[in-house]
PDB file of N, CA and C in Angstrom:
ATOM      1  N   UNK A   1     186.680  46.620  64.819  1.00  0.00           N
ATOM      2  CA  UNK A   1     185.585  46.778  64.725  1.00  0.00           C
ATOM      3  C   UNK A   1     185.734  46.450  65.966  1.00  0.00           C
ATOM      4  N   UNK A   2     184.187  47.003  66.264  1.00  0.00           N
ATOM      5  CA  UNK A   2     183.690  46.421  68.156  1.00  0.00           C
ATOM      6  C   UNK A   2     183.115  45.369  68.445  1.00  0.00           C
ATOM      7  N   UNK A   3     183.883  44.505  68.610  1.00  0.00           N
ATOM      8  CA  UNK A   3     183.804  42.786  68.767  1.00  0.00           C
ATOM      9  C   UNK A   3     181.765  42.735  69.373  1.00  0.00           C
ATOM     10  N   UNK A   4     181.576  43.273  70.015  1.00  0.00           N
ATOM     11  CA  UNK A   4     180.232  43.476  70.442  1.00  0.00           C
ATOM     12  C   UNK A   4     178.725  43.618  69.936  1.00  0.00           C
ATOM     13  N   UNK A   5     178.495  44.937  68.706  1.00  0.00           N
ATOM     14  CA  UNK A   5     178.314  45.170  67.136  1.00  0.00           C
ATOM     15  C   UNK A   5     178.564  43.632  66.886  1.00  0.00           C
ATOM     16  N   UNK A   6     178.965  43.712  66.439  1.00  0.00           N
ATOM     17  CA  UNK A   6     178.963  41.789  65.669  1.00  0.00           C
ATOM     18  C   UNK A   6     178.347  40.918  66.303  1.00  0.00           C
ATOM     19  N   UNK A   7     178.601  41.244  66.780  1.00  0.00           N
ATOM     20  CA  UNK A   7     178.595  39.826  67.539  1.00  0.00           C
ATOM     21  C   UNK A   7     176.431  40.460  68.409  1.00  0.00           C
ATOM     22  N   UNK A   8     176.038  41.097  67.931  1.00  0.00           N
ATOM     23  CA  UNK A   8     174.834  41.296  68.454  1.00  0.00           C
ATOM     24  C   UNK A   8     174.281  41.346  66.973  1.00  0.00           C
ATOM     25  N   UNK A   9     174.568  41.917  65.546  1.00  0.00           N
ATOM     26  CA  UNK A   9     174.252  41.493  64.458  1.00  0.00           C
ATOM     27  C   UNK A   9     174.619  40.079  63.692  1.00  0.00           C
ATOM     28  N   UNK A  10     175.713  39.818  64.331  1.00  0.00           N
ATOM     29  CA  UNK A  10     175.524  37.915  64.000  1.00  0.00           C
ATOM     30  C   UNK A  10     173.977  36.658  64.826  1.00  0.00           C
ATOM     31  N   UNK A  11     173.889  37.640  65.601  1.00  0.00           N
ATOM     32  CA  UNK A  11     172.477  36.708  66.739  1.00  0.00           C
ATOM     33  C   UNK A  11     171.128  37.881  66.346  1.00  0.00           C
ATOM     34  N   UNK A  12     171.368  38.817  65.696  1.00  0.00           N
ATOM     35  CA  UNK A  12     169.650  39.024  65.148  1.00  0.00           C
ATOM     36  C   UNK A  12     169.658  38.603  63.552  1.00  0.00           C
ATOM     37  N   UNK A  13     170.201  38.694  63.428  1.00  0.00           N
ATOM     38  CA  UNK A  13     170.738  37.020  61.805  1.00  0.00           C
ATOM     39  C   UNK A  13     171.105  36.050  61.396  1.00  0.00           C
ATOM     40  N   UNK A  14     170.913  35.742  63.345  1.00  0.00           N
ATOM     41  CA  UNK A  14     170.604  33.303  63.327  1.00  0.00           C
ATOM     42  C   UNK A  14     169.547  33.268  62.988  1.00  0.00           C
ATOM     43  N   UNK A  15     168.549  33.778  63.348  1.00  0.00           N
ATOM     44  CA  UNK A  15     167.407  33.465  63.225  1.00  0.00           C
ATOM     45  C   UNK A  15     166.711  33.062  61.660  1.00  0.00           C
ATOM     46  N   UNK A  16     165.753  32.244  60.964  1.00  0.00           N
ATOM     47  CA  UNK A  16     164.761  32.762  59.923  1.00  0.00           C
ATOM     48  C   UNK A  16     164.978  34.115  58.794  1.00  0.00           C
ATOM     49  N   UNK A  17     165.008  33.727  57.644  1.00  0.00           N
ATOM     50  CA  UNK A  17     164.254  35.308  57.491  1.00  0.00           C
ATOM     51  C   UNK A  17     165.796  36.134  56.862  1.00  0.00           C
ATOM     52  N   UNK A  18     165.635  37.336  57.021  1.00  0.00           N
ATOM     53  CA  UNK A  18     166.184  38.694  56.128  1.00  0.00           C
ATOM     54  C   UNK A  18     165.456  39.695  56.767  1.00  0.00           C
ATOM     55  N   UNK A  19     167.009  40.891  57.459  1.00  0.00           N
ATOM     56  CA  UNK A  19     166.780  41.674  58.024  1.00  0.00           C
ATOM     57  C   UNK A  19     167.849  42.737  56.777  1.00  0.00           C
ATOM     58  N   UNK A  20     166.510  44.097  57.212  1.00  0.00           N
ATOM     59  CA  UNK A  20     167.355  45.129  57.037  1.00  0.00           C
ATOM     60  C   UNK A  20     168.099  45.430  57.583  1.00  0.00           C
ATOM     61  N   UNK A  21     169.053  46.486  57.042  1.00  0.00           N
ATOM     62  CA  UNK A  21     169.844  47.641  57.220  1.00  0.00           C
ATOM     63  C   UNK A  21     169.460  48.670  58.999  1.00  0.00           C
ATOM     64  N   UNK A  22     168.352  48.448  58.801  1.00  0.00           N
ATOM     65  CA  UNK A  22     167.298  49.165  59.493  1.00  0.00           C
ATOM     66  C   UNK A  22     166.953  48.896  61.348  1.00  0.00           C
ATOM     67  N   UNK A  23     166.432  47.244  60.031  1.00  0.00           N
ATOM     68  CA  UNK A  23     165.742  46.743  61.023  1.00  0.00           C
ATOM     69  C   UNK A  23     167.067  45.873  62.139  1.00  0.00           C
ATOM     70  N   UNK A  24     168.365  45.509  61.969  1.00  0.00           N
ATOM     71  CA  UNK A  24     169.503  45.322  63.030  1.00  0.00           C
ATOM     72  C   UNK A  24     170.179  46.233  63.920  1.00  0.00           C
ATOM     73  N   UNK A  25     169.619  47.454  63.196  1.00  0.00           N
ATOM     74  CA  UNK A  25     170.774  48.754  63.311  1.00  0.00           C
ATOM     75  C   UNK A  25     169.084  48.836  65.359  1.00  0.00           C
ATOM     76  N   UNK A  26     168.153  49.088  64.665  1.00  0.00           N
ATOM     77  CA  UNK A  26     167.120  48.363  65.807  1.00  0.00           C
ATOM     78  C   UNK A  26     167.809  47.712  67.076  1.00  0.00           C
ATOM     79  N   UNK A  27     168.358  47.083  66.937  1.00  0.00           N
ATOM     80  CA  UNK A  27     168.569  45.822  68.183  1.00  0.00           C
ATOM     81  C   UNK A  27     169.649  46.123  68.337  1.00  0.00           C
ATOM     82  N   UNK A  28     170.696  46.456  68.244  1.00  0.00           N
ATOM     83  CA  UNK A  28     171.808  46.806  68.445  1.00  0.00           C
ATOM     84  C   UNK A  28     171.889  47.754  69.168  1.00  0.00           C
ATOM     85  N   UNK A  29     172.576  47.304  70.228  1.00  0.00           N
ATOM     86  CA  UNK A  29     172.797  48.964  71.942  1.00  0.00           C
ATOM     87  C   UNK A  29     174.761  48.594  72.031  1.00  0.00           C
ATOM     88  N   UNK A  30     175.088  49.681  72.270  1.00  0.00           N
ATOM     89  CA  UNK A  30     174.294  51.020  72.907  1.00  0.00           C
ATOM     90  C   UNK A  30     174.379  52.107  70.607  1.00  0.00           C
ATOM     91  N   UNK A  31     173.355  52.593  71.072  1.00  0.00           N
ATOM     92  CA  UNK A  31     173.067  53.227  70.446  1.00  0.00           C
ATOM     93  C   UNK A  31     174.272  54.329  69.955  1.00  0.00           C
ATOM     94  N   UNK A  32     174.375  53.757  68.660  1.00  0.00           N
ATOM     95  CA  UNK A  32     175.901  55.306  67.582  1.00  0.00           C
ATOM     96  C   UNK A  32     174.964  56.231  67.046  1.00  0.00           C
ATOM     97  N   UNK A  33     175.013  57.484  67.902  1.00  0.00           N
ATOM     98  CA  UNK A  33     174.332  58.831  67.443  1.00  0.00           C
ATOM     99  C   UNK A  33     173.718  59.035  67.184  1.00  0.00           C
ATOM    100  N   UNK A  34     172.788  59.546  66.269  1.00  0.00           N
ATOM    101  CA  UNK A  34     171.268  59.702  66.124  1.00  0.00           C
ATOM    102  C   UNK A  34     170.830  57.840  65.667  1.00  0.00           C
ATOM    103  N   UNK A  35     169.561  57.990  65.064  1.00  0.00           N
ATOM    104  CA  UNK A  35     168.707  56.783  64.284  1.00  0.00           C
ATOM    105  C   UNK A  35     169.887  56.464  63.049  1.00  0.00           C
ATOM    106  N   UNK A  36     169.899  57.562  62.389  1.00  0.00           N
ATOM    107  CA  UNK A  36     170.551  57.663  60.814  1.00  0.00           C
ATOM    108  C   UNK A  36     171.917  57.223  60.982  1.00  0.00           C
ATOM    109  N   UNK A  37     172.503  58.076  61.896  1.00  0.00           N
ATOM    110  CA  UNK A  37     174.086  57.339  61.906  1.00  0.00           C
ATOM    111  C   UNK A  37     174.494  55.862  62.588  1.00  0.00           C
ATOM    112  N   UNK A  38     173.866  55.638  63.040  1.00  0.00           N
ATOM    113  CA  UNK A  38     173.935  54.629  63.912  1.00  0.00           C
ATOM    114  C   UNK A  38     173.180  53.341  62.514  1.00  0.00           C
ATOM    115  N   UNK A  39     172.107  53.326  61.676  1.00  0.00           N
ATOM    116  CA  UNK A  39     172.169  52.865  61.094  1.00  0.00           C
ATOM    117  C   UNK A  39     174.151  52.718  59.829  1.00  0.00           C
ATOM    118  N   UNK A  40     173.891  53.803  59.925  1.00  0.00           N
ATOM    119  CA  UNK A  40     174.920  53.719  58.802  1.00  0.00           C
ATOM    120  C   UNK A  40     176.473  53.548  59.187  1.00  0.00           C
ATOM    121  N   UNK A  41     176.569  53.349  61.073  1.00  0.00           N
ATOM    122  CA  UNK A  41     177.191  52.590  61.022  1.00  0.00           C
ATOM    123  C   UNK A  41     177.290  51.167  61.356  1.00  0.00           C
ATOM    124  N   UNK A  42     175.689  50.630  61.487  1.00  0.00           N
ATOM    125  CA  UNK A  42     176.105  48.852  61.596  1.00  0.00           C
ATOM    126  C   UNK A  42     175.990  48.646  59.648  1.00  0.00           C
ATOM    127  N   UNK A  43     175.345  49.375  59.025  1.00  0.00           N
ATOM    128  CA  UNK A  43     175.664  49.407  57.438  1.00  0.00           C
ATOM    129  C   UNK A  43     176.903  48.795  57.048  1.00  0.00           C
ATOM    130  N   UNK A  44     178.215  49.867  57.836  1.00  0.00           N
ATOM    131  CA  UNK A  44     179.699  49.814  57.511  1.00  0.00           C
ATOM    132  C   UNK A  44     179.801  47.955  58.656  1.00  0.00           C
ATOM    133  N   UNK A  45     179.316  47.703  59.761  1.00  0.00           N
ATOM    134  CA  UNK A  45     179.978  46.759  59.970  1.00  0.00           C
ATOM    135  C   UNK A  45     179.700  45.588  59.471  1.00  0.00           C
ATOM    136  N   UNK A  46     178.322  45.201  58.655  1.00  0.00           N
ATOM    137  CA  UNK A  46     177.300  44.288  57.957  1.00  0.00           C
ATOM    138  C   UNK A  46     178.315  44.618  56.544  1.00  0.00           C
ATOM    139  N   UNK A  47     178.760  45.489  56.746  1.00  0.00           N
ATOM    140  CA  UNK A  47     179.546  45.592  54.853  1.00  0.00           C
ATOM    141  C   UNK A  47     181.460  44.315  54.884  1.00  0.00           C
ATOM    142  N   UNK A  48     181.939  44.849  56.102  1.00  0.00           N
ATOM    143  CA  UNK A  48     183.146  44.554  56.920  1.00  0.00           C
ATOM    144  C   UNK A  48     182.352  43.055  57.391  1.00  0.00           C
ATOM    145  N   UNK A  49     181.738  42.426  57.683  1.00  0.00           N
ATOM    146  CA  UNK A  49     181.284  40.653  57.967  1.00  0.00           C
ATOM    147  C   UNK A  49     181.114  40.267  56.716  1.00  0.00           C
ATOM    148  N   UNK A  50     180.308  41.025  55.377  1.00  0.00           N
ATOM    149  CA  UNK A  50     180.560  40.355  54.494  1.00  0.00           C
ATOM    150  C   UNK A  50     181.385  40.032  53.676  1.00  0.00           C
ATOM    151  N   UNK A  51     182.238  41.371  54.078  1.00  0.00           N
ATOM    152  CA  UNK A  51     184.074  40.830  53.408  1.00  0.00           C
ATOM    153  C   UNK A  51     184.180  39.288  53.987  1.00  0.00           C
ATOM    154  N   UNK A  52     183.846  38.989  55.411  1.00  0.00           N
ATOM    155  CA  UNK A  52     184.630  38.371  55.613  1.00  0.00           C
ATOM    156  C   UNK A  52     184.333  37.351  55.746  1.00  0.00           C
ATOM    157  N   UNK A  53     183.246  36.960  55.207  1.00  0.00           N
ATOM    158  CA  UNK A  53     182.073  35.504  54.580  1.00  0.00           C
ATOM    159  C   UNK A  53     180.802  35.537  55.594  1.00  0.00           C
ATOM    160  N   UNK A  54     180.698  36.274  56.546  1.00  0.00           N
ATOM    161  CA  UNK A  54     179.637  35.847  58.037  1.00  0.00           C
ATOM    162  C   UNK A  54     178.935  36.182  56.944  1.00  0.00           C
ATOM    163  N   UNK A  55     178.212  37.482  56.690  1.00  0.00           N
ATOM    164  CA  UNK A  55     176.781  37.534  55.910  1.00  0.00           C
ATOM    165  C   UNK A  55     177.225  38.028  54.489  1.00  0.00           C
ATOM    166  N   UNK A  56     175.467  37.980  53.914  1.00  0.00           N
ATOM    167  CA  UNK A  56     175.638  39.030  52.857  1.00  0.00           C
ATOM    168  C   UNK A  56     174.105  39.237  52.347  1.00  0.00           C
ATOM    169  N   UNK A  57     174.202  40.008  51.145  1.00  0.00           N
ATOM    170  CA  UNK A  57     172.944  40.393  51.208  1.00  0.00           C
ATOM    171  C   UNK A  57     171.547  39.508  50.347  1.00  0.00           C
ATOM    172  N   UNK A  58     170.608  38.826  50.875  1.00  0.00           N
ATOM    173  CA  UNK A  58     169.832  38.381  50.237  1.00  0.00           C
ATOM    174  C   UNK A  58     169.366  38.832  49.025  1.00  0.00           C
ATOM    175  N   UNK A  59     169.482  39.805  47.936  1.00  0.00           N
ATOM    176  CA  UNK A  59     169.644  39.849  46.642  1.00  0.00           C
ATOM    177  C   UNK A  59     169.740  41.251  46.655  1.00  0.00           C
ATOM    178  N   UNK A  60     169.424  41.747  45.181  1.00  0.00           N
ATOM    179  CA  UNK A  60     170.215  43.683  45.259  1.00  0.00           C
ATOM    180  C   UNK A  60     168.971  44.486  44.498  1.00  0.00           C
ATOM    181  N   UNK A  61     167.988  43.917  45.928  1.00  0.00           N
ATOM    182  CA  UNK A  61     166.871  44.563  46.206  1.00  0.00           C
ATOM    183  C   UNK A  61     167.091  46.088  46.961  1.00  0.00           C
ATOM    184  N   UNK A  62     166.269  47.063  46.940  1.00  0.00           N
ATOM    185  CA  UNK A  62     166.810  48.014  48.012  1.00  0.00           C
ATOM    186  C   UNK A  62     164.919  48.142  48.580  1.00  0.00           C
ATOM    187  N   UNK A  63     164.960  48.683  50.193  1.00  0.00           N
ATOM    188  CA  UNK A  63     166.586  48.187  50.553  1.00  0.00           C
ATOM    189  C   UNK A  63     166.663  46.899  51.366  1.00  0.00           C
ATOM    190  N   UNK A  64     168.275  46.661  51.370  1.00  0.00           N
ATOM    191  CA  UNK A  64     168.660  45.320  51.230  1.00  0.00           C
ATOM    192  C   UNK A  64     168.461  44.321  52.674  1.00  0.00           C
ATOM    193  N   UNK A  65     168.113  43.409  52.038  1.00  0.00           N
ATOM    194  CA  UNK A  65     167.807  42.655  53.730  1.00  0.00           C
ATOM    195  C   UNK A  65     169.403  41.331  53.958  1.00  0.00           C
ATOM    196  N   UNK A  66     169.947  41.643  54.442  1.00  0.00           N
ATOM    197  CA  UNK A  66     171.078  40.980  55.644  1.00  0.00           C
ATOM    198  C   UNK A  66     169.963  39.776  55.656  1.00  0.00           C
ATOM    199  N   UNK A  67     170.895  39.132  55.259  1.00  0.00           N
ATOM    200  CA  UNK A  67     170.921  36.380  56.142  1.00  0.00           C
ATOM    201  C   UNK A  67     172.535  36.756  56.066  1.00  0.00           C
ATOM    202  N   UNK A  68     172.721  35.733  57.299  1.00  0.00           N
ATOM    203  CA  UNK A  68     173.693  35.336  57.914  1.00  0.00           C
ATOM    204  C   UNK A  68     174.293  33.927  57.273  1.00  0.00           C
ATOM    205  N   UNK A  69     175.309  33.518  56.326  1.00  0.00           N
ATOM    206  CA  UNK A  69     175.665  32.885  56.094  1.00  0.00           C
ATOM    207  C   UNK A  69     175.990  31.327  56.622  1.00  0.00           C
ATOM    208  N   UNK A  70     175.530  30.724  55.758  1.00  0.00           N
ATOM    209  CA  UNK A  70     175.299  29.105  56.613  1.00  0.00           C
ATOM    210  C   UNK A  70     176.949  28.791  57.122  1.00  0.00           C
ATOM    211  N   UNK A  71     177.080  28.732  58.440  1.00  0.00           N
ATOM    212  CA  UNK A  71     177.937  27.960  58.894  1.00  0.00           C
ATOM    213  C   UNK A  71     178.624  29.244  59.789  1.00  0.00           C
ATOM    214  N   UNK A  72     178.011  30.607  59.351  1.00  0.00           N
ATOM    215  CA  UNK A  72     179.218  32.459  60.640  1.00  0.00           C
ATOM    216  C   UNK A  72     178.745  31.330  61.058  1.00  0.00           C
ATOM    217  N   UNK A  73     179.860  31.522  62.524  1.00  0.00           N
ATOM    218  CA  UNK A  73     179.876  31.511  63.804  1.00  0.00           C
ATOM    219  C   UNK A  73     178.787  32.815  64.879  1.00  0.00           C
ATOM    220  N   UNK A  74     178.388  32.847  65.698  1.00  0.00           N
ATOM    221  CA  UNK A  74     177.574  33.709  66.162  1.00  0.00           C
ATOM    222  C   UNK A  74     178.447  34.854  67.526  1.00  0.00           C
ATOM    223  N   UNK A  75     179.540  34.070  67.287  1.00  0.00           N
ATOM    224  CA  UNK A  75     180.684  35.072  68.207  1.00  0.00           C
ATOM    225  C   UNK A  75     181.993  35.079  67.647  1.00  0.00           C
ATOM    226  N   UNK A  76     182.479  36.702  68.357  1.00  0.00           N
ATOM    227  CA  UNK A  76     183.956  36.929  66.956  1.00  0.00           C
ATOM    228  C   UNK A  76     184.362  36.917  67.586  1.00  0.00           C
ATOM    229  N   UNK A  77     185.875  35.822  66.878  1.00  0.00           N
ATOM    230  CA  UNK A  77     187.098  35.612  67.727  1.00  0.00           C
ATOM    231  C   UNK A  77     188.679  36.693  67.866  1.00  0.00           C
TER     232      UNK A  77
END
């Protein structure tokens, strides 16, 4: 995975509240393809971070809002 995108995603989720995939994608640069492709790319990154236990969906609603799991680092090692 590109750690730059992971770092940007975790930084976006570092504050209070939850963000949709699209909200997070708009904050991650450079844009990977079109807006739709970039959002799908960021969703894949979010799902990988979820498997690693760093982020999780806030609930089961659509659109999914993501939150950072407490204690997850901002930097990817």
